[in-house]
Protein backbone atom coordinates (compact mmCIF):
# COMPACT_ATOMS: atom_id res chain seq x y z
CA MET A 1 53.54 -26.94 -21.78
CA ASN A 2 50.19 -25.33 -20.97
CA GLU A 3 48.62 -26.78 -17.83
CA THR A 4 45.17 -25.68 -18.92
CA THR A 5 45.03 -28.29 -21.65
CA SER A 6 47.62 -30.94 -20.85
CA ASN A 7 49.05 -32.90 -18.01
CA VAL A 8 52.80 -33.05 -17.46
CA THR A 9 53.26 -35.77 -20.05
CA GLY A 10 51.54 -33.70 -22.73
CA ARG A 11 48.49 -35.94 -23.05
CA HIS A 12 45.15 -34.19 -23.11
CA ILE A 13 42.97 -34.55 -19.99
CA GLY A 14 39.22 -34.37 -20.10
CA GLY A 15 36.98 -34.46 -23.07
CA THR A 16 33.77 -36.07 -24.06
CA PHE A 17 31.51 -38.24 -21.99
CA ASP A 18 27.97 -39.50 -22.45
CA LEU A 19 26.50 -40.66 -19.16
CA VAL A 20 23.32 -40.64 -17.08
CA ASP A 21 22.92 -38.52 -13.96
CA HIS A 22 21.40 -39.85 -10.76
CA HIS A 23 18.04 -38.29 -11.73
CA GLY A 24 17.90 -40.36 -14.93
CA HIS A 25 18.84 -37.53 -17.34
CA GLU A 26 21.27 -38.20 -20.16
CA VAL A 27 24.22 -35.81 -19.81
CA ASN A 28 27.46 -35.09 -21.60
CA GLU A 29 30.34 -32.65 -21.24
CA ARG A 30 28.24 -29.88 -22.87
CA THR A 31 25.53 -30.22 -20.20
CA TYR A 32 27.73 -28.41 -17.68
CA ARG A 33 29.00 -25.60 -19.90
CA GLY A 34 28.69 -22.20 -18.28
CA THR A 35 29.74 -23.52 -14.86
CA TYR A 36 32.98 -24.82 -13.45
CA ALA A 37 32.86 -28.59 -13.11
CA VAL A 38 34.66 -30.21 -10.19
CA ILE A 39 34.88 -33.92 -10.96
CA PHE A 40 35.86 -36.84 -8.78
CA PHE A 41 35.83 -40.45 -9.95
CA GLY A 42 34.98 -43.12 -7.38
CA PHE A 43 32.38 -45.67 -6.38
CA THR A 44 29.65 -45.90 -3.77
CA HIS A 45 31.00 -49.02 -2.06
CA CYS A 46 34.36 -47.38 -1.38
CA LYS A 47 35.23 -47.68 2.28
CA MET A 48 37.63 -44.79 2.79
CA VAL A 49 39.01 -42.74 -0.11
CA CYS A 50 35.74 -41.68 -1.74
CA PRO A 51 33.81 -40.73 1.40
CA ARG A 52 36.83 -38.76 2.63
CA ALA A 53 37.22 -36.98 -0.73
CA LEU A 54 33.50 -36.19 -1.04
CA HIS A 55 33.41 -34.86 2.52
CA ARG A 56 36.50 -32.71 1.92
CA LEU A 57 35.12 -31.34 -1.35
CA SER A 58 31.72 -30.65 0.24
CA THR A 59 33.42 -28.74 3.06
CA VAL A 60 35.53 -26.81 0.54
CA LEU A 61 32.40 -25.83 -1.39
CA ASP A 62 30.76 -24.69 1.85
CA ARG A 63 33.83 -22.57 2.66
CA LEU A 64 33.77 -21.00 -0.81
CA GLY A 65 30.44 -19.38 0.04
CA PRO A 66 28.79 -17.60 -2.91
CA LEU A 67 31.65 -18.61 -5.24
CA ALA A 68 30.44 -22.22 -4.97
CA GLU A 69 27.32 -21.24 -6.94
CA ARG A 70 29.58 -21.21 -10.01
CA VAL A 71 30.57 -24.86 -9.46
CA GLN A 72 28.84 -28.09 -10.46
CA PRO A 73 30.39 -30.95 -8.48
CA LEU A 74 30.22 -34.30 -10.29
CA TYR A 75 30.88 -37.79 -8.95
CA ILE A 76 31.53 -40.23 -11.78
CA THR A 77 31.46 -43.91 -10.89
CA VAL A 78 34.22 -46.31 -11.81
CA ASP A 79 31.88 -49.19 -10.88
CA PRO A 80 28.87 -49.05 -13.24
CA GLU A 81 27.88 -52.64 -12.44
CA ARG A 82 26.84 -51.67 -8.90
CA ASP A 83 26.41 -47.90 -9.21
CA THR A 84 23.09 -47.48 -10.96
CA GLN A 85 21.47 -44.07 -11.01
CA GLU A 86 19.29 -45.07 -8.03
CA VAL A 87 22.30 -46.28 -6.02
CA MET A 88 24.18 -43.06 -6.84
CA LYS A 89 21.20 -40.93 -5.77
CA ASP A 90 20.74 -42.87 -2.51
CA PHE A 91 24.46 -42.54 -1.77
CA LEU A 92 24.86 -38.84 -2.58
CA SER A 93 21.58 -37.27 -1.47
CA PRO A 94 21.90 -37.59 2.31
CA GLY A 95 25.61 -36.82 2.77
CA TYR A 96 26.78 -35.05 -0.38
CA PRO A 97 23.73 -33.25 -1.80
CA ARG A 98 25.75 -30.77 -3.87
CA PHE A 99 27.08 -33.60 -6.02
CA THR A 100 25.45 -35.03 -9.10
CA GLY A 101 26.29 -38.69 -9.58
CA LEU A 102 27.04 -39.91 -13.09
CA THR A 103 26.92 -43.50 -14.29
CA GLY A 104 26.45 -45.39 -17.53
CA THR A 105 27.27 -48.60 -19.29
CA PRO A 106 30.68 -50.13 -18.70
CA ALA A 107 31.74 -48.91 -22.16
CA GLN A 108 30.58 -45.35 -21.40
CA ILE A 109 32.41 -45.33 -18.07
CA ASP A 110 35.55 -46.73 -19.72
CA ARG A 111 35.48 -43.86 -22.25
CA ALA A 112 35.07 -41.29 -19.46
CA LYS A 113 37.92 -42.84 -17.44
CA LYS A 114 40.16 -42.88 -20.50
CA SER A 115 39.32 -39.27 -21.27
CA PHE A 116 40.45 -38.19 -17.78
CA ARG A 117 43.33 -40.67 -17.53
CA VAL A 118 41.66 -42.36 -14.55
CA PHE A 119 43.00 -45.69 -13.35
CA ALA A 120 40.55 -48.16 -11.84
CA THR A 121 40.59 -51.92 -11.59
CA THR A 122 38.61 -54.70 -9.97
CA VAL A 123 40.24 -56.70 -7.19
CA ALA A 124 38.84 -59.53 -5.12
CA ASP A 125 37.67 -58.63 -1.62
CA PRO A 126 36.12 -61.45 0.42
CA ASP A 127 34.93 -58.89 3.01
CA ASP A 128 32.78 -57.07 0.45
CA PRO A 129 29.21 -58.35 -0.12
CA HIS A 130 29.88 -58.39 -3.89
CA ASN A 131 33.35 -59.92 -3.39
CA TYR A 132 35.26 -57.06 -5.04
CA GLN A 133 36.57 -53.54 -4.58
CA MET A 134 37.65 -50.95 -7.15
CA PRO A 135 41.01 -49.34 -6.33
CA HIS A 136 41.28 -46.15 -8.40
CA SER A 137 43.22 -42.96 -8.83
CA ALA A 138 42.06 -40.16 -6.54
CA PHE A 139 42.25 -36.86 -8.40
CA THR A 140 39.84 -33.95 -8.38
CA TYR A 141 39.58 -32.39 -11.83
CA VAL A 142 38.47 -28.83 -12.55
CA LEU A 143 36.98 -27.90 -15.91
CA GLY A 144 36.27 -24.31 -16.89
CA PRO A 145 32.92 -22.94 -18.07
CA ASP A 146 33.96 -23.76 -21.65
CA GLY A 147 34.53 -27.40 -20.66
CA ALA A 148 38.33 -27.15 -20.94
CA TYR A 149 40.58 -28.83 -18.40
CA LEU A 150 42.01 -26.23 -16.00
CA THR A 151 43.81 -28.26 -13.36
CA HIS A 152 43.60 -31.22 -11.05
CA PHE A 153 44.36 -31.83 -7.40
CA THR A 154 45.71 -34.94 -5.78
CA ASP A 155 44.05 -36.42 -2.74
CA ALA A 156 46.99 -35.08 -0.69
CA VAL A 157 46.03 -31.42 -1.22
CA ASP A 158 44.62 -30.24 2.08
CA GLU A 159 41.34 -28.43 2.54
CA ASP A 160 42.84 -24.96 3.13
CA GLU A 161 44.98 -25.13 -0.01
CA LEU A 162 42.03 -26.39 -2.02
CA VAL A 163 39.88 -23.46 -0.86
CA THR A 164 42.66 -21.00 -1.75
CA ARG A 165 43.33 -22.47 -5.17
CA LEU A 166 39.68 -22.88 -6.15
CA SER A 167 38.91 -19.34 -4.95
CA SER A 168 41.65 -18.09 -7.24
CA ILE A 169 40.24 -20.03 -10.20
CA LEU A 170 36.65 -18.92 -9.58
CA ARG A 171 37.36 -15.17 -9.18
């Protein structure tokens, strides 16, 4: 089985999406052709997993030096009800400025999640101001300049290994 197009179960990963970036521009998978896309799904109200992943990926991109110019990092929300384009911009700009936040209608986000085989669900959380959290899978996906799925990394892959593996892909 070819890892560049399938996951281990043989189901295709990645594909089409029609969303809005945090600047208000309509985007789709073709928008990022010509660059490598590094994609992480999450939500702005996440307390631990997403900030840790975004920080790690930002540090990895810094360590890649000039190779990082070939990468467009994308943060796709799994919580479109709260994560409007303005909320995404306010969340990403100060701490994760390399990332472009993508949001859309619940139906658009559901299609994007399905395309990447992302799990996310709503669970009650009395400690959250909106009374819910969004547990989700924590994978970083890499698409090639042609938009094809190349690989993914689990949240357990450490920073050094991520730098090594992404450097290999980008060379």
